[in-house]
Amino acid sequence: MAIVAFLLLPVVTMLLYGMDRTEDWLARASGPPRHARARRLRLIHGGAGPAAPRAPGRETEAA
């Protein structure tokens, strides 16, 4: 029985290695599509500049 176990050890090792590589291959995240470009969201033109001062006495009420 020990002889059979020693003979099957390389087979089991290769099987586990192959399953590990296959699992990594299937779980790997795919890259972005070739035609996709990085897009940057710009809501307000020049929005990165300093904020304009508020007029005194004018406050807005949130809905």
PDB file of N, CA and C in Angstrom:
ATOM      1  N   MET A   1       0.831  -1.187   0.000  1.00  0.00           N
ATOM      2  CA  MET A   1       0.000   0.000   0.000  1.00  0.00           C
ATOM      3  C   MET A   1       0.880   1.257   0.000  1.00  0.00           C
ATOM      4  N   ALA A   2       1.991   1.229   0.684  1.00  0.00           N
ATOM      5  CA  ALA A   2       2.901   2.375   0.710  1.00  0.00           C
ATOM      6  C   ALA A   2       3.511   2.599  -0.675  1.00  0.00           C
ATOM      7  N   ILE A   3       3.759   1.538  -1.401  1.00  0.00           N
ATOM      8  CA  ILE A   3       4.325   1.669  -2.748  1.00  0.00           C
ATOM      9  C   ILE A   3       3.353   2.390  -3.667  1.00  0.00           C
ATOM     10  N   VAL A   4       2.070   2.054  -3.556  1.00  0.00           N
ATOM     11  CA  VAL A   4       1.043   2.710  -4.371  1.00  0.00           C
ATOM     12  C   VAL A   4       0.961   4.193  -4.009  1.00  0.00           C
ATOM     13  N   ALA A   5       1.060   4.514  -2.718  1.00  0.00           N
ATOM     14  CA  ALA A   5       1.007   5.915  -2.284  1.00  0.00           C
ATOM     15  C   ALA A   5       2.198   6.688  -2.853  1.00  0.00           C
ATOM     16  N   PHE A   6       3.375   6.122  -2.829  1.00  0.00           N
ATOM     17  CA  PHE A   6       4.555   6.799  -3.365  1.00  0.00           C
ATOM     18  C   PHE A   6       4.482   6.945  -4.883  1.00  0.00           C
ATOM     19  N   LEU A   7       3.860   5.993  -5.546  1.00  0.00           N
ATOM     20  CA  LEU A   7       3.715   6.100  -6.993  1.00  0.00           C
ATOM     21  C   LEU A   7       2.674   7.144  -7.391  1.00  0.00           C
ATOM     22  N   LEU A   8       1.639   7.319  -6.576  1.00  0.00           N
ATOM     23  CA  LEU A   8       0.593   8.289  -6.888  1.00  0.00           C
ATOM     24  C   LEU A   8       0.961   9.712  -6.468  1.00  0.00           C
ATOM     25  N   LEU A   9       1.979   9.870  -5.648  1.00  0.00           N
ATOM     26  CA  LEU A   9       2.351  11.188  -5.153  1.00  0.00           C
ATOM     27  C   LEU A   9       2.690  12.170  -6.283  1.00  0.00           C
ATOM     28  N   PRO A  10       3.483  11.807  -7.281  1.00  0.00           N
ATOM     29  CA  PRO A  10       3.744  12.764  -8.372  1.00  0.00           C
ATOM     30  C   PRO A  10       2.489  13.121  -9.167  1.00  0.00           C
ATOM     31  N   VAL A  11       1.593  12.168  -9.332  1.00  0.00           N
ATOM     32  CA  VAL A  11       0.353  12.434 -10.072  1.00  0.00           C
ATOM     33  C   VAL A  11      -0.508  13.428  -9.315  1.00  0.00           C
ATOM     34  N   VAL A  12      -0.641  13.239  -8.027  1.00  0.00           N
ATOM     35  CA  VAL A  12      -1.451  14.148  -7.207  1.00  0.00           C
ATOM     36  C   VAL A  12      -0.806  15.529  -7.163  1.00  0.00           C
ATOM     37  N   THR A  13       0.514  15.578  -7.109  1.00  0.00           N
ATOM     38  CA  THR A  13       1.212  16.857  -7.094  1.00  0.00           C
ATOM     39  C   THR A  13       0.955  17.635  -8.380  1.00  0.00           C
ATOM     40  N   MET A  14       1.071  16.979  -9.511  1.00  0.00           N
ATOM     41  CA  MET A  14       0.818  17.646 -10.785  1.00  0.00           C
ATOM     42  C   MET A  14      -0.648  18.069 -10.920  1.00  0.00           C
ATOM     43  N   LEU A  15      -1.546  17.247 -10.418  1.00  0.00           N
ATOM     44  CA  LEU A  15      -2.963  17.587 -10.466  1.00  0.00           C
ATOM     45  C   LEU A  15      -3.251  18.838  -9.635  1.00  0.00           C
ATOM     46  N   LEU A  16      -2.703  18.909  -8.431  1.00  0.00           N
ATOM     47  CA  LEU A  16      -2.918  20.087  -7.583  1.00  0.00           C
ATOM     48  C   LEU A  16      -2.291  21.334  -8.199  1.00  0.00           C
ATOM     49  N   TYR A  17      -1.096  21.185  -8.771  1.00  0.00           N
ATOM     50  CA  TYR A  17      -0.445  22.321  -9.416  1.00  0.00           C
ATOM     51  C   TYR A  17      -1.273  22.811 -10.611  1.00  0.00           C
ATOM     52  N   GLY A  18      -1.750  21.904 -11.413  1.00  0.00           N
ATOM     53  CA  GLY A  18      -2.573  22.277 -12.566  1.00  0.00           C
ATOM     54  C   GLY A  18      -3.875  22.941 -12.160  1.00  0.00           C
ATOM     55  N   MET A  19      -4.507  22.447 -11.112  1.00  0.00           N
ATOM     56  CA  MET A  19      -5.745  23.062 -10.637  1.00  0.00           C
ATOM     57  C   MET A  19      -5.490  24.470 -10.095  1.00  0.00           C
ATOM     58  N   ASP A  20      -4.370  24.654  -9.413  1.00  0.00           N
ATOM     59  CA  ASP A  20      -4.028  25.974  -8.880  1.00  0.00           C
ATOM     60  C   ASP A  20      -3.804  26.976 -10.003  1.00  0.00           C
ATOM     61  N   ARG A  21      -3.052  26.557 -11.032  1.00  0.00           N
ATOM     62  CA  ARG A  21      -2.801  27.451 -12.164  1.00  0.00           C
ATOM     63  C   ARG A  21      -4.097  27.773 -12.916  1.00  0.00           C
ATOM     64  N   THR A  22      -4.968  26.783 -13.066  1.00  0.00           N
ATOM     65  CA  THR A  22      -6.245  27.007 -13.751  1.00  0.00           C
ATOM     66  C   THR A  22      -7.131  27.956 -12.957  1.00  0.00           C
ATOM     67  N   GLU A  23      -7.165  27.797 -11.641  1.00  0.00           N
ATOM     68  CA  GLU A  23      -7.972  28.680 -10.804  1.00  0.00           C
ATOM     69  C   GLU A  23      -7.456  30.112 -10.874  1.00  0.00           C
ATOM     70  N   ASP A  24      -6.141  30.297 -10.852  1.00  0.00           N
ATOM     71  CA  ASP A  24      -5.572  31.640 -10.978  1.00  0.00           C
ATOM     72  C   ASP A  24      -5.898  32.244 -12.335  1.00  0.00           C
ATOM     73  N   TRP A  25      -5.857  31.440 -13.369  1.00  0.00           N
ATOM     74  CA  TRP A  25      -6.155  31.925 -14.713  1.00  0.00           C
ATOM     75  C   TRP A  25      -7.613  32.356 -14.828  1.00  0.00           C
ATOM     76  N   LEU A  26      -8.526  31.586 -14.227  1.00  0.00           N
ATOM     77  CA  LEU A  26      -9.950  31.917 -14.309  1.00  0.00           C
ATOM     78  C   LEU A  26     -10.319  33.106 -13.438  1.00  0.00           C
ATOM     79  N   ALA A  27      -9.649  33.276 -12.310  1.00  0.00           N
ATOM     80  CA  ALA A  27      -9.984  34.352 -11.380  1.00  0.00           C
ATOM     81  C   ALA A  27      -9.293  35.661 -11.729  1.00  0.00           C
ATOM     82  N   ARG A  28      -8.369  35.629 -12.683  1.00  0.00           N
ATOM     83  CA  ARG A  28      -7.633  36.838 -13.040  1.00  0.00           C
ATOM     84  C   ARG A  28      -8.582  37.856 -13.651  1.00  0.00           C
ATOM     85  N   ALA A  29      -8.456  39.103 -13.200  1.00  0.00           N
ATOM     86  CA  ALA A  29      -9.294  40.169 -13.734  1.00  0.00           C
ATOM     87  C   ALA A  29      -8.808  40.537 -15.126  1.00  0.00           C
ATOM     88  N   SER A  30      -9.727  40.686 -16.033  1.00  0.00           N
ATOM     89  CA  SER A  30      -9.348  41.063 -17.385  1.00  0.00           C
ATOM     90  C   SER A  30      -9.029  42.559 -17.409  1.00  0.00           C
ATOM     91  N   GLY A  31      -8.163  42.939 -18.294  1.00  0.00           N
ATOM     92  CA  GLY A  31      -7.782  44.340 -18.432  1.00  0.00           C
ATOM     93  C   GLY A  31      -8.881  45.129 -19.119  1.00  0.00           C
ATOM     94  N   PRO A  32      -8.706  46.435 -19.190  1.00  0.00           N
ATOM     95  CA  PRO A  32      -9.711  47.250 -19.881  1.00  0.00           C
ATOM     96  C   PRO A  32      -9.709  46.949 -21.372  1.00  0.00           C
ATOM     97  N   PRO A  33     -10.813  47.141 -22.030  1.00  0.00           N
ATOM     98  CA  PRO A  33     -10.859  46.908 -23.474  1.00  0.00           C
ATOM     99  C   PRO A  33      -9.853  47.804 -24.198  1.00  0.00           C
ATOM    100  N   ARG A  34      -9.414  47.362 -25.341  1.00  0.00           N
ATOM    101  CA  ARG A  34      -8.391  48.112 -26.067  1.00  0.00           C
ATOM    102  C   ARG A  34      -8.870  49.482 -26.510  1.00  0.00           C
ATOM    103  N   HIS A  35     -10.156  49.598 -26.806  1.00  0.00           N
ATOM    104  CA  HIS A  35     -10.682  50.864 -27.303  1.00  0.00           C
ATOM    105  C   HIS A  35     -11.062  51.829 -26.183  1.00  0.00           C
ATOM    106  N   ALA A  36     -11.013  51.394 -24.945  1.00  0.00           N
ATOM    107  CA  ALA A  36     -11.428  52.249 -23.834  1.00  0.00           C
ATOM    108  C   ALA A  36     -10.344  53.281 -23.525  1.00  0.00           C
ATOM    109  N   ARG A  37     -10.778  54.492 -23.257  1.00  0.00           N
ATOM    110  CA  ARG A  37      -9.859  55.560 -22.873  1.00  0.00           C
ATOM    111  C   ARG A  37     -10.169  55.987 -21.447  1.00  0.00           C
ATOM    112  N   ALA A  38      -9.183  56.540 -20.791  1.00  0.00           N
ATOM    113  CA  ALA A  38      -9.411  57.082 -19.458  1.00  0.00           C
ATOM    114  C   ALA A  38     -10.214  58.370 -19.606  1.00  0.00           C
ATOM    115  N   ARG A  39     -11.289  58.486 -18.886  1.00  0.00           N
ATOM    116  CA  ARG A  39     -12.130  59.677 -18.960  1.00  0.00           C
ATOM    117  C   ARG A  39     -12.039  60.423 -17.642  1.00  0.00           C
ATOM    118  N   ARG A  40     -11.990  61.718 -17.753  1.00  0.00           N
ATOM    119  CA  ARG A  40     -11.941  62.556 -16.564  1.00  0.00           C
ATOM    120  C   ARG A  40     -13.225  63.355 -16.501  1.00  0.00           C
ATOM    121  N   LEU A  41     -13.852  63.340 -15.363  1.00  0.00           N
ATOM    122  CA  LEU A  41     -15.119  64.033 -15.184  1.00  0.00           C
ATOM    123  C   LEU A  41     -14.862  65.494 -14.864  1.00  0.00           C
ATOM    124  N   ARG A  42     -15.402  66.379 -15.681  1.00  0.00           N
ATOM    125  CA  ARG A  42     -15.287  67.800 -15.428  1.00  0.00           C
ATOM    126  C   ARG A  42     -16.697  68.370 -15.373  1.00  0.00           C
ATOM    127  N   LEU A  43     -17.132  68.730 -14.194  1.00  0.00           N
ATOM    128  CA  LEU A  43     -18.479  69.260 -14.043  1.00  0.00           C
ATOM    129  C   LEU A  43     -18.519  70.761 -14.265  1.00  0.00           C
ATOM    130  N   ILE A  44     -17.514  71.476 -13.756  1.00  0.00           N
ATOM    131  CA  ILE A  44     -17.487  72.929 -13.855  1.00  0.00           C
ATOM    132  C   ILE A  44     -16.163  73.327 -14.494  1.00  0.00           C
ATOM    133  N   HIS A  45     -16.234  74.148 -15.519  1.00  0.00           N
ATOM    134  CA  HIS A  45     -15.011  74.600 -16.170  1.00  0.00           C
ATOM    135  C   HIS A  45     -14.221  75.476 -15.205  1.00  0.00           C
ATOM    136  N   GLY A  46     -12.987  75.125 -14.974  1.00  0.00           N
ATOM    137  CA  GLY A  46     -12.148  75.893 -14.060  1.00  0.00           C
ATOM    138  C   GLY A  46     -12.517  75.674 -12.610  1.00  0.00           C
ATOM    139  N   GLY A  47     -13.093  74.549 -12.282  1.00  0.00           N
ATOM    140  CA  GLY A  47     -13.554  74.296 -10.923  1.00  0.00           C
ATOM    141  C   GLY A  47     -12.449  74.134  -9.906  1.00  0.00           C
ATOM    142  N   ALA A  48     -11.208  74.007 -10.338  1.00  0.00           N
ATOM    143  CA  ALA A  48     -10.118  73.807  -9.388  1.00  0.00           C
ATOM    144  C   ALA A  48      -9.605  75.122  -8.819  1.00  0.00           C
ATOM    145  N   GLY A  49     -10.078  76.250  -9.312  1.00  0.00           N
ATOM    146  CA  GLY A  49      -9.608  77.561  -8.844  1.00  0.00           C
ATOM    147  C   GLY A  49     -10.179  77.910  -7.477  1.00  0.00           C
ATOM    148  N   PRO A  50      -9.808  79.090  -6.935  1.00  0.00           N
ATOM    149  CA  PRO A  50     -10.312  79.512  -5.628  1.00  0.00           C
ATOM    150  C   PRO A  50     -11.812  79.789  -5.682  1.00  0.00           C
ATOM    151  N   ALA A  51     -12.481  79.579  -4.581  1.00  0.00           N
ATOM    152  CA  ALA A  51     -13.927  79.773  -4.508  1.00  0.00           C
ATOM    153  C   ALA A  51     -14.253  81.258  -4.473  1.00  0.00           C
ATOM    154  N   ALA A  52     -15.344  81.629  -5.118  1.00  0.00           N
ATOM    155  CA  ALA A  52     -15.783  83.019  -5.120  1.00  0.00           C
ATOM    156  C   ALA A  52     -16.377  83.366  -3.752  1.00  0.00           C
ATOM    157  N   PRO A  53     -16.136  84.579  -3.248  1.00  0.00           N
ATOM    158  CA  PRO A  53     -16.701  84.953  -1.936  1.00  0.00           C
ATOM    159  C   PRO A  53     -18.209  85.108  -2.031  1.00  0.00           C
ATOM    160  N   ARG A  54     -18.895  84.751  -0.958  1.00  0.00           N
ATOM    161  CA  ARG A  54     -20.356  84.873  -0.925  1.00  0.00           C
ATOM    162  C   ARG A  54     -20.759  86.298  -0.570  1.00  0.00           C
ATOM    163  N   ALA A  55     -21.885  86.687  -1.098  1.00  0.00           N
ATOM    164  CA  ALA A  55     -22.425  88.003  -0.771  1.00  0.00           C
ATOM    165  C   ALA A  55     -22.964  87.980   0.648  1.00  0.00           C
ATOM    166  N   PRO A  56     -22.724  89.014   1.446  1.00  0.00           N
ATOM    167  CA  PRO A  56     -23.226  89.021   2.833  1.00  0.00           C
ATOM    168  C   PRO A  56     -24.746  89.082   2.870  1.00  0.00           C
ATOM    169  N   GLY A  57     -25.327  88.319   3.774  1.00  0.00           N
ATOM    170  CA  GLY A  57     -26.769  88.327   3.951  1.00  0.00           C
ATOM    171  C   GLY A  57     -27.527  87.385   3.047  1.00  0.00           C
ATOM    172  N   ARG A  58     -26.898  86.808   2.074  1.00  0.00           N
ATOM    173  CA  ARG A  58     -27.582  85.873   1.160  1.00  0.00           C
ATOM    174  C   ARG A  58     -27.184  84.472   1.526  1.00  0.00           C
ATOM    175  N   GLU A  59     -28.132  83.727   1.994  1.00  0.00           N
ATOM    176  CA  GLU A  59     -27.907  82.328   2.309  1.00  0.00           C
ATOM    177  C   GLU A  59     -28.950  81.499   1.571  1.00  0.00           C
ATOM    178  N   THR A  60     -28.535  80.347   1.154  1.00  0.00           N
ATOM    179  CA  THR A  60     -29.464  79.470   0.453  1.00  0.00           C
ATOM    180  C   THR A  60     -29.977  78.419   1.424  1.00  0.00           C
ATOM    181  N   GLU A  61     -31.204  78.044   1.216  1.00  0.00           N
ATOM    182  CA  GLU A  61     -31.814  77.034   2.082  1.00  0.00           C
ATOM    183  C   GLU A  61     -31.789  75.694   1.343  1.00  0.00           C
ATOM    184  N   ALA A  62     -31.303  74.684   2.013  1.00  0.00           N
ATOM    185  CA  ALA A  62     -31.256  73.353   1.405  1.00  0.00           C
ATOM    186  C   ALA A  62     -32.647  72.760   1.360  1.00  0.00           C
ATOM    187  N   ALA A  63     -32.908  71.971   0.356  1.00  0.00           N
ATOM    188  CA  ALA A  63     -34.236  71.387   0.183  1.00  0.00           C
ATOM    189  C   ALA A  63     -34.514  70.333   1.151  1.00  0.00           C
TER     190      ALA A  63
END
